[in-house]
PDB file of all heavy atoms in Angstrom:
ATOM      1  N   ALA A   1       7.469  12.657   8.338  1.00  0.00           N
ATOM      2  CA  ALA A   1       6.914  12.571   9.682  1.00  0.00           C
ATOM      3  C   ALA A   1       5.930  11.418   9.752  1.00  0.00           C
ATOM      4  O   ALA A   1       5.017  11.314   8.929  1.00  0.00           O
ATOM      5  CB  ALA A   1       6.238  13.878  10.056  1.00  0.00           C
ATOM      6  N   ALA A   2       6.112  10.564  10.742  1.00  0.00           N
ATOM      7  CA  ALA A   2       5.246   9.405  10.919  1.00  0.00           C
ATOM      8  C   ALA A   2       4.293   9.621  12.073  1.00  0.00           C
ATOM      9  O   ALA A   2       4.632  10.264  13.067  1.00  0.00           O
ATOM     10  CB  ALA A   2       6.082   8.157  11.159  1.00  0.00           C
ATOM     11  N   SER A   3       3.115   9.063  11.954  1.00  0.00           N
ATOM     12  CA  SER A   3       2.139   9.100  13.037  1.00  0.00           C
ATOM     13  C   SER A   3       1.384   7.779  13.049  1.00  0.00           C
ATOM     14  O   SER A   3       1.416   7.019  12.086  1.00  0.00           O
ATOM     15  CB  SER A   3       1.172  10.271  12.870  1.00  0.00           C
ATOM     16  OG  SER A   3       0.445  10.152  11.661  1.00  0.00           O
ATOM     17  N   GLY A   4       0.724   7.524  14.158  1.00  0.00           N
ATOM     18  CA  GLY A   4      -0.043   6.293  14.273  1.00  0.00           C
ATOM     19  C   GLY A   4       0.707   5.194  14.981  1.00  0.00           C
ATOM     20  O   GLY A   4       0.155   4.463  15.795  1.00  0.00           O
ATOM     21  N   ARG A   5       1.966   5.023  14.650  1.00  0.00           N
ATOM     22  CA  ARG A   5       2.821   4.039  15.305  1.00  0.00           C
ATOM     23  C   ARG A   5       4.204   4.653  15.452  1.00  0.00           C
ATOM     24  O   ARG A   5       4.590   5.537  14.685  1.00  0.00           O
ATOM     25  CB  ARG A   5       2.924   2.770  14.451  1.00  0.00           C
ATOM     26  CG  ARG A   5       1.635   1.978  14.324  1.00  0.00           C
ATOM     27  CD  ARG A   5       1.410   1.090  15.527  1.00  0.00           C
ATOM     28  NE  ARG A   5       0.183   0.312  15.401  1.00  0.00           N
ATOM     29  CZ  ARG A   5       0.135  -0.891  14.883  1.00  0.00           C
ATOM     30  NH1 ARG A   5       1.254  -1.454  14.439  1.00  0.00           N
ATOM     31  NH2 ARG A   5      -1.009  -1.528  14.792  1.00  0.00           N
ATOM     32  N   THR A   6       4.961   4.170  16.397  1.00  0.00           N
ATOM     33  CA  THR A   6       6.322   4.645  16.517  1.00  0.00           C
ATOM     34  C   THR A   6       7.164   4.116  15.355  1.00  0.00           C
ATOM     35  O   THR A   6       7.117   2.928  15.028  1.00  0.00           O
ATOM     36  CB  THR A   6       6.941   4.228  17.862  1.00  0.00           C
ATOM     37  OG1 THR A   6       8.309   4.620  17.876  1.00  0.00           O
ATOM     38  CG2 THR A   6       6.841   2.729  18.079  1.00  0.00           C
ATOM     39  N   VAL A   7       7.927   5.007  14.744  1.00  0.00           N
ATOM     40  CA  VAL A   7       8.668   4.643  13.547  1.00  0.00           C
ATOM     41  C   VAL A   7       9.832   3.717  13.865  1.00  0.00           C
ATOM     42  O   VAL A   7      10.425   3.113  12.972  1.00  0.00           O
ATOM     43  CB  VAL A   7       9.131   5.921  12.816  1.00  0.00           C
ATOM     44  CG1 VAL A   7      10.305   6.576  13.550  1.00  0.00           C
ATOM     45  CG2 VAL A   7       9.497   5.618  11.375  1.00  0.00           C
ATOM     46  N   SER A   8      10.173   3.573  15.136  1.00  0.00           N
ATOM     47  CA  SER A   8      11.313   2.737  15.510  1.00  0.00           C
ATOM     48  C   SER A   8      11.103   1.272  15.146  1.00  0.00           C
ATOM     49  O   SER A   8      12.064   0.506  15.057  1.00  0.00           O
ATOM     50  CB  SER A   8      11.586   2.865  17.008  1.00  0.00           C
ATOM     51  OG  SER A   8      10.462   2.416  17.759  1.00  0.00           O
ATOM     52  N   GLY A   9       9.874   0.877  14.914  1.00  0.00           N
ATOM     53  CA  GLY A   9       9.594  -0.497  14.542  1.00  0.00           C
ATOM     54  C   GLY A   9       9.640  -0.757  13.052  1.00  0.00           C
ATOM     55  O   GLY A   9       9.321  -1.864  12.602  1.00  0.00           O
ATOM     56  N   TYR A  10      10.078   0.222  12.281  1.00  0.00           N
ATOM     57  CA  TYR A  10      10.001   0.134  10.836  1.00  0.00           C
ATOM     58  C   TYR A  10      11.332   0.413  10.169  1.00  0.00           C
ATOM     59  O   TYR A  10      12.057   1.334  10.569  1.00  0.00           O
ATOM     60  CB  TYR A  10       8.971   1.132  10.291  1.00  0.00           C
ATOM     61  CG  TYR A  10       7.560   0.834  10.727  1.00  0.00           C
ATOM     62  CD1 TYR A  10       7.088   1.272  11.960  1.00  0.00           C
ATOM     63  CD2 TYR A  10       6.702   0.110   9.908  1.00  0.00           C
ATOM     64  CE1 TYR A  10       5.803   0.985  12.371  1.00  0.00           C
ATOM     65  CE2 TYR A  10       5.415  -0.178  10.307  1.00  0.00           C
ATOM     66  CZ  TYR A  10       4.967   0.263  11.535  1.00  0.00           C
ATOM     67  OH  TYR A  10       3.685  -0.025  11.931  1.00  0.00           O
ATOM     68  N   VAL A  11      11.619  -0.364   9.149  1.00  0.00           N
ATOM     69  CA  VAL A  11      12.655  -0.001   8.191  1.00  0.00           C
ATOM     70  C   VAL A  11      12.065   1.112   7.338  1.00  0.00           C
ATOM     71  O   VAL A  11      10.905   1.030   6.914  1.00  0.00           O
ATOM     72  CB  VAL A  11      13.043  -1.198   7.310  1.00  0.00           C
ATOM     73  CG1 VAL A  11      14.051  -0.777   6.246  1.00  0.00           C
ATOM     74  CG2 VAL A  11      13.583  -2.332   8.158  1.00  0.00           C
ATOM     75  N   MET A  12      12.856   2.156   7.085  1.00  0.00           N
ATOM     76  CA  MET A  12      12.355   3.304   6.329  1.00  0.00           C
ATOM     77  C   MET A  12      13.127   3.459   5.025  1.00  0.00           C
ATOM     78  O   MET A  12      14.345   3.208   4.975  1.00  0.00           O
ATOM     79  CB  MET A  12      12.492   4.571   7.152  1.00  0.00           C
ATOM     80  CG  MET A  12      11.751   4.522   8.481  1.00  0.00           C
ATOM     81  SD  MET A  12       9.971   4.321   8.300  1.00  0.00           S
ATOM     82  CE  MET A  12       9.528   5.860   7.494  1.00  0.00           C
ATOM     83  N   GLY A  13      12.412   3.884   3.997  1.00  0.00           N
ATOM     84  CA  GLY A  13      13.049   4.076   2.702  1.00  0.00           C
ATOM     85  C   GLY A  13      12.562   5.338   2.028  1.00  0.00           C
ATOM     86  O   GLY A  13      11.481   5.853   2.342  1.00  0.00           O
ATOM     87  N   TRP A  14      13.395   5.826   1.134  1.00  0.00           N
ATOM     88  CA  TRP A  14      13.015   6.919   0.236  1.00  0.00           C
ATOM     89  C   TRP A  14      13.082   6.398  -1.194  1.00  0.00           C
ATOM     90  O   TRP A  14      14.073   5.765  -1.594  1.00  0.00           O
ATOM     91  CB  TRP A  14      13.956   8.110   0.386  1.00  0.00           C
ATOM     92  CG  TRP A  14      13.735   8.933   1.601  1.00  0.00           C
ATOM     93  CD1 TRP A  14      14.419   8.847   2.780  1.00  0.00           C
ATOM     94  CD2 TRP A  14      12.794   9.993   1.765  1.00  0.00           C
ATOM     95  NE1 TRP A  14      13.949   9.775   3.672  1.00  0.00           N
ATOM     96  CE2 TRP A  14      12.950  10.501   3.072  1.00  0.00           C
ATOM     97  CE3 TRP A  14      11.820  10.564   0.949  1.00  0.00           C
ATOM     98  CZ2 TRP A  14      12.178  11.551   3.572  1.00  0.00           C
ATOM     99  CZ3 TRP A  14      11.056  11.594   1.436  1.00  0.00           C
ATOM    100  CH2 TRP A  14      11.232  12.089   2.740  1.00  0.00           C
ATOM    101  N   PHE A  15      12.045   6.672  -1.936  1.00  0.00           N
ATOM    102  CA  PHE A  15      11.965   6.327  -3.344  1.00  0.00           C
ATOM    103  C   PHE A  15      11.635   7.601  -4.119  1.00  0.00           C
ATOM    104  O   PHE A  15      11.191   8.596  -3.541  1.00  0.00           O
ATOM    105  CB  PHE A  15      10.871   5.278  -3.585  1.00  0.00           C
ATOM    106  CG  PHE A  15      11.198   3.929  -3.025  1.00  0.00           C
ATOM    107  CD1 PHE A  15      11.097   3.679  -1.660  1.00  0.00           C
ATOM    108  CD2 PHE A  15      11.618   2.901  -3.850  1.00  0.00           C
ATOM    109  CE1 PHE A  15      11.416   2.431  -1.136  1.00  0.00           C
ATOM    110  CE2 PHE A  15      11.929   1.650  -3.342  1.00  0.00           C
ATOM    111  CZ  PHE A  15      11.825   1.422  -1.986  1.00  0.00           C
ATOM    112  N   ARG A  16      11.846   7.550  -5.414  1.00  0.00           N
ATOM    113  CA  ARG A  16      11.513   8.703  -6.236  1.00  0.00           C
ATOM    114  C   ARG A  16      10.953   8.249  -7.574  1.00  0.00           C
ATOM    115  O   ARG A  16      11.259   7.153  -8.054  1.00  0.00           O
ATOM    116  CB  ARG A  16      12.727   9.597  -6.425  1.00  0.00           C
ATOM    117  CG  ARG A  16      13.865   8.961  -7.205  1.00  0.00           C
ATOM    118  CD  ARG A  16      15.071   9.900  -7.193  1.00  0.00           C
ATOM    119  NE  ARG A  16      16.151   9.400  -8.044  1.00  0.00           N
ATOM    120  CZ  ARG A  16      17.314  10.025  -8.198  1.00  0.00           C
ATOM    121  NH1 ARG A  16      17.554  11.173  -7.556  1.00  0.00           N
ATOM    122  NH2 ARG A  16      18.243   9.508  -8.984  1.00  0.00           N
ATOM    123  N   GLN A  17      10.142   9.126  -8.153  1.00  0.00           N
ATOM    124  CA  GLN A  17       9.539   8.820  -9.445  1.00  0.00           C
ATOM    125  C   GLN A  17       9.548  10.072 -10.308  1.00  0.00           C
ATOM    126  O   GLN A  17       8.917  11.079  -9.958  1.00  0.00           O
ATOM    127  CB  GLN A  17       8.117   8.304  -9.289  1.00  0.00           C
ATOM    128  CG  GLN A  17       7.515   7.809 -10.586  1.00  0.00           C
ATOM    129  CD  GLN A  17       6.241   7.011 -10.360  1.00  0.00           C
ATOM    130  OE1 GLN A  17       5.624   7.079  -9.308  1.00  0.00           O
ATOM    131  NE2 GLN A  17       5.857   6.228 -11.365  1.00  0.00           N
ATOM    132  N   ALA A  18      10.281   9.999 -11.399  1.00  0.00           N
ATOM    133  CA  ALA A  18      10.338  11.095 -12.363  1.00  0.00           C
ATOM    134  C   ALA A  18       9.226  10.919 -13.389  1.00  0.00           C
ATOM    135  O   ALA A  18       8.731   9.809 -13.590  1.00  0.00           O
ATOM    136  CB  ALA A  18      11.698  11.115 -13.045  1.00  0.00           C
ATOM    137  N   PRO A  19       8.827  11.998 -14.048  1.00  0.00           N
ATOM    138  CA  PRO A  19       7.756  11.903 -15.051  1.00  0.00           C
ATOM    139  C   PRO A  19       8.083  10.874 -16.121  1.00  0.00           C
ATOM    140  O   PRO A  19       9.178  10.874 -16.686  1.00  0.00           O
ATOM    141  CB  PRO A  19       7.700  13.317 -15.633  1.00  0.00           C
ATOM    142  CG  PRO A  19       8.231  14.182 -14.553  1.00  0.00           C
ATOM    143  CD  PRO A  19       9.284  13.387 -13.865  1.00  0.00           C
ATOM    144  N   GLY A  20       7.130   9.982 -16.372  1.00  0.00           N
ATOM    145  CA  GLY A  20       7.297   8.984 -17.410  1.00  0.00           C
ATOM    146  C   GLY A  20       8.191   7.829 -17.039  1.00  0.00           C
ATOM    147  O   GLY A  20       8.471   6.968 -17.876  1.00  0.00           O
ATOM    148  N   LYS A  21       8.637   7.783 -15.782  1.00  0.00           N
ATOM    149  CA  LYS A  21       9.531   6.710 -15.353  1.00  0.00           C
ATOM    150  C   LYS A  21       8.926   5.950 -14.191  1.00  0.00           C
ATOM    151  O   LYS A  21       8.011   6.421 -13.519  1.00  0.00           O
ATOM    152  CB  LYS A  21      10.896   7.274 -14.953  1.00  0.00           C
ATOM    153  CG  LYS A  21      11.657   7.913 -16.097  1.00  0.00           C
ATOM    154  CD  LYS A  21      13.060   8.281 -15.664  1.00  0.00           C
ATOM    155  CE  LYS A  21      13.869   8.836 -16.833  1.00  0.00           C
ATOM    156  NZ  LYS A  21      15.269   9.168 -16.414  1.00  0.00           N
ATOM    157  N   GLU A  22       9.462   4.759 -13.962  1.00  0.00           N
ATOM    158  CA  GLU A  22       8.994   3.956 -12.838  1.00  0.00           C
ATOM    159  C   GLU A  22       9.583   4.487 -11.526  1.00  0.00           C
ATOM    160  O   GLU A  22      10.630   5.136 -11.515  1.00  0.00           O
ATOM    161  CB  GLU A  22       9.402   2.495 -13.033  1.00  0.00           C
ATOM    162  CG  GLU A  22       8.693   1.818 -14.198  1.00  0.00           C
ATOM    163  CD  GLU A  22       8.989   0.335 -14.242  1.00  0.00           C
ATOM    164  OE1 GLU A  22       9.805  -0.141 -13.444  1.00  0.00           O
ATOM    165  OE2 GLU A  22       8.384  -0.350 -15.089  1.00  0.00           O
ATOM    166  N   ARG A  23       8.892   4.165 -10.451  1.00  0.00           N
ATOM    167  CA  ARG A  23       9.401   4.528  -9.134  1.00  0.00           C
ATOM    168  C   ARG A  23      10.699   3.773  -8.879  1.00  0.00           C
ATOM    169  O   ARG A  23      10.804   2.570  -9.136  1.00  0.00           O
ATOM    170  CB  ARG A  23       8.373   4.190  -8.063  1.00  0.00           C
ATOM    171  CG  ARG A  23       8.668   4.742  -6.702  1.00  0.00           C
ATOM    172  CD  ARG A  23       7.502   4.555  -5.758  1.00  0.00           C
ATOM    173  NE  ARG A  23       6.319   5.284  -6.221  1.00  0.00           N
ATOM    174  CZ  ARG A  23       5.212   5.435  -5.501  1.00  0.00           C
ATOM    175  NH1 ARG A  23       5.144   4.921  -4.287  1.00  0.00           N
ATOM    176  NH2 ARG A  23       4.185   6.087  -5.996  1.00  0.00           N
ATOM    177  N   GLU A  24      11.694   4.485  -8.355  1.00  0.00           N
ATOM    178  CA  GLU A  24      12.985   3.852  -8.109  1.00  0.00           C
ATOM    179  C   GLU A  24      13.462   4.097  -6.687  1.00  0.00           C
ATOM    180  O   GLU A  24      13.136   5.110  -6.064  1.00  0.00           O
ATOM    181  CB  GLU A  24      14.039   4.359  -9.101  1.00  0.00           C
ATOM    182  CG  GLU A  24      14.384   5.821  -8.975  1.00  0.00           C
ATOM    183  CD  GLU A  24      15.536   6.230  -9.891  1.00  0.00           C
ATOM    184  OE1 GLU A  24      15.937   5.453 -10.771  1.00  0.00           O
ATOM    185  OE2 GLU A  24      16.041   7.360  -9.706  1.00  0.00           O
ATOM    186  N   PHE A  25      14.259   3.161  -6.224  1.00  0.00           N
ATOM    187  CA  PHE A  25      14.839   3.236  -4.887  1.00  0.00           C
ATOM    188  C   PHE A  25      15.890   4.336  -4.821  1.00  0.00           C
ATOM    189  O   PHE A  25      16.670   4.517  -5.762  1.00  0.00           O
ATOM    190  CB  PHE A  25      15.475   1.883  -4.563  1.00  0.00           C
ATOM    191  CG  PHE A  25      16.330   1.872  -3.339  1.00  0.00           C
ATOM    192  CD1 PHE A  25      15.747   1.844  -2.080  1.00  0.00           C
ATOM    193  CD2 PHE A  25      17.704   1.875  -3.440  1.00  0.00           C
ATOM    194  CE1 PHE A  25      16.543   1.817  -0.942  1.00  0.00           C
ATOM    195  CE2 PHE A  25      18.508   1.842  -2.317  1.00  0.00           C
ATOM    196  CZ  PHE A  25      17.922   1.816  -1.066  1.00  0.00           C
ATOM    197  N   ALA A  26      15.900   5.073  -3.706  1.00  0.00           N
ATOM    198  CA  ALA A  26      16.943   6.069  -3.482  1.00  0.00           C
ATOM    199  C   ALA A  26      17.801   5.711  -2.275  1.00  0.00           C
ATOM    200  O   ALA A  26      19.025   5.674  -2.362  1.00  0.00           O
ATOM    201  CB  ALA A  26      16.319   7.450  -3.304  1.00  0.00           C
ATOM    202  N   ALA A  27      17.152   5.451  -1.136  1.00  0.00           N
ATOM    203  CA  ALA A  27      17.906   5.192   0.093  1.00  0.00           C
ATOM    204  C   ALA A  27      17.024   4.461   1.085  1.00  0.00           C
ATOM    205  O   ALA A  27      15.799   4.550   1.027  1.00  0.00           O
ATOM    206  CB  ALA A  27      18.402   6.498   0.702  1.00  0.00           C
ATOM    207  N   ALA A  28      17.673   3.746   2.003  1.00  0.00           N
ATOM    208  CA  ALA A  28      16.948   3.052   3.055  1.00  0.00           C
ATOM    209  C   ALA A  28      17.788   3.038   4.322  1.00  0.00           C
ATOM    210  O   ALA A  28      19.028   3.121   4.261  1.00  0.00           O
ATOM    211  CB  ALA A  28      16.607   1.625   2.647  1.00  0.00           C
ATOM    212  N   ILE A  29      17.099   2.915   5.459  1.00  0.00           N
ATOM    213  CA  ILE A  29      17.785   2.906   6.745  1.00  0.00           C
ATOM    214  C   ILE A  29      17.130   1.879   7.644  1.00  0.00           C
ATOM    215  O   ILE A  29      15.902   1.731   7.662  1.00  0.00           O
ATOM    216  CB  ILE A  29      17.778   4.322   7.371  1.00  0.00           C
ATOM    217  CG1 ILE A  29      18.643   4.375   8.622  1.00  0.00           C
ATOM    218  CG2 ILE A  29      16.350   4.783   7.663  1.00  0.00           C
ATOM    219  CD1 ILE A  29      18.945   5.797   9.085  1.00  0.00           C
ATOM    220  N   SER A  30      17.953   1.166   8.382  1.00  0.00           N
ATOM    221  CA  SER A  30      17.441   0.122   9.263  1.00  0.00           C
ATOM    222  C   SER A  30      16.737   0.728  10.468  1.00  0.00           C
ATOM    223  O   SER A  30      16.806   1.928  10.731  1.00  0.00           O
ATOM    224  CB  SER A  30      18.592  -0.773   9.714  1.00  0.00           C
ATOM    225  OG  SER A  30      19.564  -0.008  10.417  1.00  0.00           O
ATOM    226  N   ARG A  31      16.093  -0.129  11.210  1.00  0.00           N
ATOM    227  CA  ARG A  31      15.291   0.336  12.342  1.00  0.00           C
ATOM    228  C   ARG A  31      16.090   1.156  13.333  1.00  0.00           C
ATOM    229  O   ARG A  31      15.616   2.166  13.845  1.00  0.00           O
ATOM    230  CB  ARG A  31      14.671  -0.866  13.049  1.00  0.00           C
ATOM    231  CG  ARG A  31      13.508  -1.500  12.346  1.00  0.00           C
ATOM    232  CD  ARG A  31      13.018  -2.679  13.146  1.00  0.00           C
ATOM    233  NE  ARG A  31      12.771  -2.316  14.535  1.00  0.00           N
ATOM    234  CZ  ARG A  31      12.531  -3.171  15.510  1.00  0.00           C
ATOM    235  NH1 ARG A  31      12.502  -4.475  15.230  1.00  0.00           N
ATOM    236  NH2 ARG A  31      12.317  -2.775  16.725  1.00  0.00           N
ATOM    237  N   ASN A  32      17.294   0.722  13.614  1.00  0.00           N
ATOM    238  CA  ASN A  32      18.085   1.431  14.617  1.00  0.00           C
ATOM    239  C   ASN A  32      19.039   2.451  14.007  1.00  0.00           C
ATOM    240  O   ASN A  32      19.831   3.073  14.723  1.00  0.00           O
ATOM    241  CB  ASN A  32      18.880   0.434  15.463  1.00  0.00           C
ATOM    242  CG  ASN A  32      19.840  -0.404  14.639  1.00  0.00           C
ATOM    243  OD1 ASN A  32      19.999  -0.190  13.439  1.00  0.00           O
ATOM    244  ND2 ASN A  32      20.495  -1.353  15.275  1.00  0.00           N
ATOM    245  N   GLY A  33      18.971   2.612  12.690  1.00  0.00           N
ATOM    246  CA  GLY A  33      19.819   3.582  12.010  1.00  0.00           C
ATOM    247  C   GLY A  33      21.235   3.124  11.771  1.00  0.00           C
ATOM    248  O   GLY A  33      22.042   3.859  11.199  1.00  0.00           O
ATOM    249  N   GLY A  34      21.558   1.913  12.163  1.00  0.00           N
ATOM    250  CA  GLY A  34      22.924   1.449  12.048  1.00  0.00           C
ATOM    251  C   GLY A  34      23.328   0.977  10.672  1.00  0.00           C
ATOM    252  O   GLY A  34      24.513   0.813  10.383  1.00  0.00           O
ATOM    253  N   ASN A  35      22.366   0.768   9.810  1.00  0.00           N
ATOM    254  CA  ASN A  35      22.648   0.292   8.461  1.00  0.00           C
ATOM    255  C   ASN A  35      21.894   1.146   7.466  1.00  0.00           C
ATOM    256  O   ASN A  35      20.693   1.381   7.622  1.00  0.00           O
ATOM    257  CB  ASN A  35      22.231  -1.174   8.323  1.00  0.00           C
ATOM    258  CG  ASN A  35      22.676  -1.791   7.024  1.00  0.00           C
ATOM    259  OD1 ASN A  35      23.538  -1.254   6.328  1.00  0.00           O
ATOM    260  ND2 ASN A  35      22.094  -2.922   6.665  1.00  0.00           N
ATOM    261  N   THR A  36      22.601   1.623   6.454  1.00  0.00           N
ATOM    262  CA  THR A  36      21.982   2.397   5.394  1.00  0.00           C
ATOM    263  C   THR A  36      22.378   1.820   4.045  1.00  0.00           C
ATOM    264  O   THR A  36      23.379   1.105   3.924  1.00  0.00           O
ATOM    265  CB  THR A  36      22.397   3.880   5.446  1.00  0.00           C
ATOM    266  OG1 THR A  36      23.832   3.965   5.364  1.00  0.00           O
ATOM    267  CG2 THR A  36      21.929   4.541   6.726  1.00  0.00           C
ATOM    268  N   ASN A  37      21.590   2.135   3.046  1.00  0.00           N
ATOM    269  CA  ASN A  37      21.862   1.646   1.703  1.00  0.00           C
ATOM    270  C   ASN A  37      21.388   2.689   0.705  1.00  0.00           C
ATOM    271  O   ASN A  37      20.348   3.324   0.941  1.00  0.00           O
ATOM    272  CB  ASN A  37      21.152   0.309   1.475  1.00  0.00           C
ATOM    273  CG  ASN A  37      21.619  -0.393   0.223  1.00  0.00           C
ATOM    274  OD1 ASN A  37      21.116  -0.163  -0.871  1.00  0.00           O
ATOM    275  ND2 ASN A  37      22.610  -1.264   0.372  1.00  0.00           N
ATOM    276  N   TYR A  38      22.135   2.855  -0.378  1.00  0.00           N
ATOM    277  CA  TYR A  38      21.827   3.900  -1.343  1.00  0.00           C
ATOM    278  C   TYR A  38      21.872   3.369  -2.768  1.00  0.00           C
ATOM    279  O   TYR A  38      22.656   2.467  -3.090  1.00  0.00           O
ATOM    280  CB  TYR A  38      22.843   5.047  -1.232  1.00  0.00           C
ATOM    281  CG  TYR A  38      22.836   5.727   0.104  1.00  0.00           C
ATOM    282  CD1 TYR A  38      23.688   5.315   1.118  1.00  0.00           C
ATOM    283  CD2 TYR A  38      21.976   6.796   0.349  1.00  0.00           C
ATOM    284  CE1 TYR A  38      23.671   5.935   2.353  1.00  0.00           C
ATOM    285  CE2 TYR A  38      21.957   7.424   1.581  1.00  0.00           C
ATOM    286  CZ  TYR A  38      22.806   6.989   2.581  1.00  0.00           C
ATOM    287  OH  TYR A  38      22.791   7.614   3.798  1.00  0.00           O
ATOM    288  N   ALA A  39      21.059   3.966  -3.612  1.00  0.00           N
ATOM    289  CA  ALA A  39      21.184   3.710  -5.041  1.00  0.00           C
ATOM    290  C   ALA A  39      22.501   4.302  -5.528  1.00  0.00           C
ATOM    291  O   ALA A  39      22.963   5.318  -4.994  1.00  0.00           O
ATOM    292  CB  ALA A  39      20.015   4.336  -5.788  1.00  0.00           C
ATOM    293  N   ASP A  40      23.087   3.684  -6.521  1.00  0.00           N
ATOM    294  CA  ASP A  40      24.358   4.188  -7.044  1.00  0.00           C
ATOM    295  C   ASP A  40      24.232   5.629  -7.525  1.00  0.00           C
ATOM    296  O   ASP A  40      25.185   6.402  -7.428  1.00  0.00           O
ATOM    297  CB  ASP A  40      24.825   3.306  -8.202  1.00  0.00           C
ATOM    298  CG  ASP A  40      25.313   1.945  -7.731  1.00  0.00           C
ATOM    299  OD1 ASP A  40      25.592   1.786  -6.520  1.00  0.00           O
ATOM    300  OD2 ASP A  40      25.419   1.039  -8.565  1.00  0.00           O
ATOM    301  N   SER A  41      23.071   5.989  -8.024  1.00  0.00           N
ATOM    302  CA  SER A  41      22.874   7.323  -8.593  1.00  0.00           C
ATOM    303  C   SER A  41      22.916   8.436  -7.556  1.00  0.00           C
ATOM    304  O   SER A  41      23.108   9.602  -7.904  1.00  0.00           O
ATOM    305  CB  SER A  41      21.540   7.381  -9.351  1.00  0.00           C
ATOM    306  OG  SER A  41      20.465   7.046  -8.484  1.00  0.00           O
ATOM    307  N   VAL A  42      22.729   8.090  -6.282  1.00  0.00           N
ATOM    308  CA  VAL A  42      22.712   9.120  -5.233  1.00  0.00           C
ATOM    309  C   VAL A  42      23.820   8.926  -4.213  1.00  0.00           C
ATOM    310  O   VAL A  42      24.017   9.795  -3.344  1.00  0.00           O
ATOM    311  CB  VAL A  42      21.349   9.149  -4.505  1.00  0.00           C
ATOM    312  CG1 VAL A  42      20.209   9.278  -5.511  1.00  0.00           C
ATOM    313  CG2 VAL A  42      21.151   7.938  -3.612  1.00  0.00           C
TER     314      VAL A  42
END
């Protein structure tokens, strides 16, 4: 959930970090939702 600004102006992403590991990319979505991208693992 976003607040402060409308999220429509932002590219959004999900990242994850497991114990002892670096933060890694999981998924991302463009501003209008028309383009998505995923890590191979997910």
